[in-house]
């Protein structure tokens, strides 16, 4: 994740994405934005 410089990283299995990793700070921002739009 350090080399990704804060960008999302895709984990591949047989050249197909199986997971996306994002920095904790970005995850928190996404959750806060979703909370603001839901309530």
PDB file of N, CA and C in Angstrom:
ATOM      1  N   UNK A   1       0.817  -1.188   0.000  1.00  0.00           N
ATOM      2  CA  UNK A   1       0.000   0.000   0.000  1.00  0.00           C
ATOM      3  C   UNK A   1       0.865   1.258   0.000  1.00  0.00           C
ATOM      4  N   UNK A   2       2.041   1.184   0.592  1.00  0.00           N
ATOM      5  CA  UNK A   2       2.898   2.367   0.610  1.00  0.00           C
ATOM      6  C   UNK A   2       3.267   2.806  -0.800  1.00  0.00           C
ATOM      7  N   UNK A   3       3.554   1.860  -1.675  1.00  0.00           N
ATOM      8  CA  UNK A   3       3.940   2.195  -3.046  1.00  0.00           C
ATOM      9  C   UNK A   3       2.767   2.728  -3.856  1.00  0.00           C
ATOM     10  N   UNK A   4       1.545   2.467  -3.412  1.00  0.00           N
ATOM     11  CA  UNK A   4       0.361   2.911  -4.150  1.00  0.00           C
ATOM     12  C   UNK A   4       0.097   4.399  -3.957  1.00  0.00           C
ATOM     13  N   UNK A   5       0.779   5.030  -3.033  1.00  0.00           N
ATOM     14  CA  UNK A   5       0.644   6.472  -2.785  1.00  0.00           C
ATOM     15  C   UNK A   5      -0.803   6.895  -2.551  1.00  0.00           C
ATOM     16  N   UNK A   6      -1.532   6.092  -1.776  1.00  0.00           N
ATOM     17  CA  UNK A   6      -2.898   6.458  -1.435  1.00  0.00           C
ATOM     18  C   UNK A   6      -3.945   6.081  -2.458  1.00  0.00           C
ATOM     19  N   UNK A   7      -3.538   5.448  -3.529  1.00  0.00           N
ATOM     20  CA  UNK A   7      -4.474   5.036  -4.575  1.00  0.00           C
ATOM     21  C   UNK A   7      -5.007   3.634  -4.277  1.00  0.00           C
ATOM     22  N   UNK A   8      -6.216   3.330  -4.755  1.00  0.00           N
ATOM     23  CA  UNK A   8      -6.734   1.966  -4.579  1.00  0.00           C
ATOM     24  C   UNK A   8      -5.846   0.943  -5.287  1.00  0.00           C
ATOM     25  N   UNK A   9      -5.817  -0.269  -4.736  1.00  0.00           N
ATOM     26  CA  UNK A   9      -5.027  -1.359  -5.302  1.00  0.00           C
ATOM     27  C   UNK A   9      -5.961  -2.539  -5.552  1.00  0.00           C
ATOM     28  N   UNK A  10      -5.883  -3.137  -6.728  1.00  0.00           N
ATOM     29  CA  UNK A  10      -6.687  -4.314  -7.049  1.00  0.00           C
ATOM     30  C   UNK A  10      -5.856  -5.569  -6.835  1.00  0.00           C
ATOM     31  N   UNK A  11      -6.434  -6.549  -6.152  1.00  0.00           N
ATOM     32  CA  UNK A  11      -5.803  -7.861  -6.016  1.00  0.00           C
ATOM     33  C   UNK A  11      -6.393  -8.759  -7.086  1.00  0.00           C
ATOM     34  N   UNK A  12      -5.516  -9.394  -7.851  1.00  0.00           N
ATOM     35  CA  UNK A  12      -5.964 -10.216  -8.964  1.00  0.00           C
ATOM     36  C   UNK A  12      -5.765 -11.695  -8.678  1.00  0.00           C
ATOM     37  N   UNK A  13      -6.683 -12.505  -9.175  1.00  0.00           N
ATOM     38  CA  UNK A  13      -6.577 -13.953  -9.134  1.00  0.00           C
ATOM     39  C   UNK A  13      -6.874 -14.435 -10.545  1.00  0.00           C
ATOM     40  N   UNK A  14      -5.871 -14.984 -11.210  1.00  0.00           N
ATOM     41  CA  UNK A  14      -6.005 -15.399 -12.614  1.00  0.00           C
ATOM     42  C   UNK A  14      -6.446 -14.224 -13.490  1.00  0.00           C
ATOM     43  N   UNK A  15      -5.834 -13.074 -13.248  1.00  0.00           N
ATOM     44  CA  UNK A  15      -6.083 -11.847 -14.007  1.00  0.00           C
ATOM     45  C   UNK A  15      -7.490 -11.281 -13.836  1.00  0.00           C
ATOM     46  N   UNK A  16      -8.194 -11.681 -12.792  1.00  0.00           N
ATOM     47  CA  UNK A  16      -9.519 -11.134 -12.498  1.00  0.00           C
ATOM     48  C   UNK A  16      -9.474 -10.505 -11.109  1.00  0.00           C
ATOM     49  N   UNK A  17     -10.026  -9.300 -10.971  1.00  0.00           N
ATOM     50  CA  UNK A  17     -10.003  -8.660  -9.651  1.00  0.00           C
ATOM     51  C   UNK A  17     -10.820  -9.456  -8.637  1.00  0.00           C
ATOM     52  N   UNK A  18     -10.212  -9.703  -7.483  1.00  0.00           N
ATOM     53  CA  UNK A  18     -10.911 -10.412  -6.413  1.00  0.00           C
ATOM     54  C   UNK A  18     -11.151  -9.508  -5.214  1.00  0.00           C
ATOM     55  N   UNK A  19     -10.386  -8.424  -5.116  1.00  0.00           N
ATOM     56  CA  UNK A  19     -10.558  -7.481  -4.013  1.00  0.00           C
ATOM     57  C   UNK A  19      -9.922  -6.154  -4.394  1.00  0.00           C
ATOM     58  N   UNK A  20     -10.438  -5.102  -3.797  1.00  0.00           N
ATOM     59  CA  UNK A  20      -9.848  -3.783  -3.950  1.00  0.00           C
ATOM     60  C   UNK A  20      -9.475  -3.285  -2.563  1.00  0.00           C
ATOM     61  N   UNK A  21      -8.247  -2.831  -2.418  1.00  0.00           N
ATOM     62  CA  UNK A  21      -7.765  -2.295  -1.150  1.00  0.00           C
ATOM     63  C   UNK A  21      -7.680  -0.784  -1.261  1.00  0.00           C
ATOM     64  N   UNK A  22      -8.197  -0.108  -0.242  1.00  0.00           N
ATOM     65  CA  UNK A  22      -8.114   1.347  -0.219  1.00  0.00           C
ATOM     66  C   UNK A  22      -7.561   1.767   1.135  1.00  0.00           C
ATOM     67  N   UNK A  23      -6.908   2.916   1.192  1.00  0.00           N
ATOM     68  CA  UNK A  23      -6.374   3.389   2.466  1.00  0.00           C
ATOM     69  C   UNK A  23      -7.503   3.637   3.474  1.00  0.00           C
ATOM     70  N   UNK A  24      -7.198   3.472   4.743  1.00  0.00           N
ATOM     71  CA  UNK A  24      -8.190   3.652   5.803  1.00  0.00           C
ATOM     72  C   UNK A  24      -8.810   5.045   5.765  1.00  0.00           C
ATOM     73  N   UNK A  25      -8.017   6.064   5.493  1.00  0.00           N
ATOM     74  CA  UNK A  25      -8.546   7.434   5.447  1.00  0.00           C
ATOM     75  C   UNK A  25      -9.593   7.583   4.351  1.00  0.00           C
ATOM     76  N   UNK A  26      -9.339   7.008   3.188  1.00  0.00           N
ATOM     77  CA  UNK A  26     -10.298   7.071   2.090  1.00  0.00           C
ATOM     78  C   UNK A  26     -11.565   6.313   2.456  1.00  0.00           C
ATOM     79  N   UNK A  27     -11.420   5.164   3.094  1.00  0.00           N
ATOM     80  CA  UNK A  27     -12.581   4.382   3.533  1.00  0.00           C
ATOM     81  C   UNK A  27     -13.447   5.206   4.491  1.00  0.00           C
ATOM     82  N   UNK A  28     -12.814   5.877   5.441  1.00  0.00           N
ATOM     83  CA  UNK A  28     -13.549   6.710   6.393  1.00  0.00           C
ATOM     84  C   UNK A  28     -14.288   7.836   5.683  1.00  0.00           C
ATOM     85  N   UNK A  29     -13.655   8.457   4.684  1.00  0.00           N
ATOM     86  CA  UNK A  29     -14.309   9.521   3.925  1.00  0.00           C
ATOM     87  C   UNK A  29     -15.526   8.988   3.179  1.00  0.00           C
ATOM     88  N   UNK A  30     -15.404   7.814   2.602  1.00  0.00           N
ATOM     89  CA  UNK A  30     -16.520   7.209   1.872  1.00  0.00           C
ATOM     90  C   UNK A  30     -17.674   6.919   2.825  1.00  0.00           C
ATOM     91  N   UNK A  31     -17.370   6.332   3.981  1.00  0.00           N
ATOM     92  CA  UNK A  31     -18.410   6.005   4.960  1.00  0.00           C
ATOM     93  C   UNK A  31     -19.098   7.272   5.455  1.00  0.00           C
ATOM     94  N   UNK A  32     -18.336   8.321   5.746  1.00  0.00           N
ATOM     95  CA  UNK A  32     -18.925   9.582   6.197  1.00  0.00           C
ATOM     96  C   UNK A  32     -19.833  10.174   5.125  1.00  0.00           C
ATOM     97  N   UNK A  33     -19.402  10.139   3.871  1.00  0.00           N
ATOM     98  CA  UNK A  33     -20.217  10.671   2.778  1.00  0.00           C
ATOM     99  C   UNK A  33     -21.506   9.869   2.629  1.00  0.00           C
ATOM    100  N   UNK A  34     -21.415   8.558   2.762  1.00  0.00           N
ATOM    101  CA  UNK A  34     -22.619   7.721   2.678  1.00  0.00           C
ATOM    102  C   UNK A  34     -23.566   8.014   3.841  1.00  0.00           C
ATOM    103  N   UNK A  35     -23.022   8.168   5.040  1.00  0.00           N
ATOM    104  CA  UNK A  35     -23.849   8.484   6.207  1.00  0.00           C
ATOM    105  C   UNK A  35     -24.580   9.807   6.021  1.00  0.00           C
ATOM    106  N   UNK A  36     -23.903  10.798   5.465  1.00  0.00           N
ATOM    107  CA  UNK A  36     -24.518  12.108   5.248  1.00  0.00           C
ATOM    108  C   UNK A  36     -25.646  12.027   4.232  1.00  0.00           C
ATOM    109  N   UNK A  37     -25.507  11.177   3.237  1.00  0.00           N
ATOM    110  CA  UNK A  37     -26.520  11.068   2.192  1.00  0.00           C
ATOM    111  C   UNK A  37     -27.683  10.174   2.589  1.00  0.00           C
ATOM    112  N   UNK A  38     -27.472   9.278   3.532  1.00  0.00           N
ATOM    113  CA  UNK A  38     -28.537   8.358   3.942  1.00  0.00           C
ATOM    114  C   UNK A  38     -29.472   9.022   4.947  1.00  0.00           C
ATOM    115  N   UNK A  39     -28.920   9.803   5.867  1.00  0.00           N
ATOM    116  CA  UNK A  39     -29.746  10.384   6.934  1.00  0.00           C
ATOM    117  C   UNK A  39     -30.070  11.796   6.650  1.00  0.00           C
TER     118      UNK A  39
END
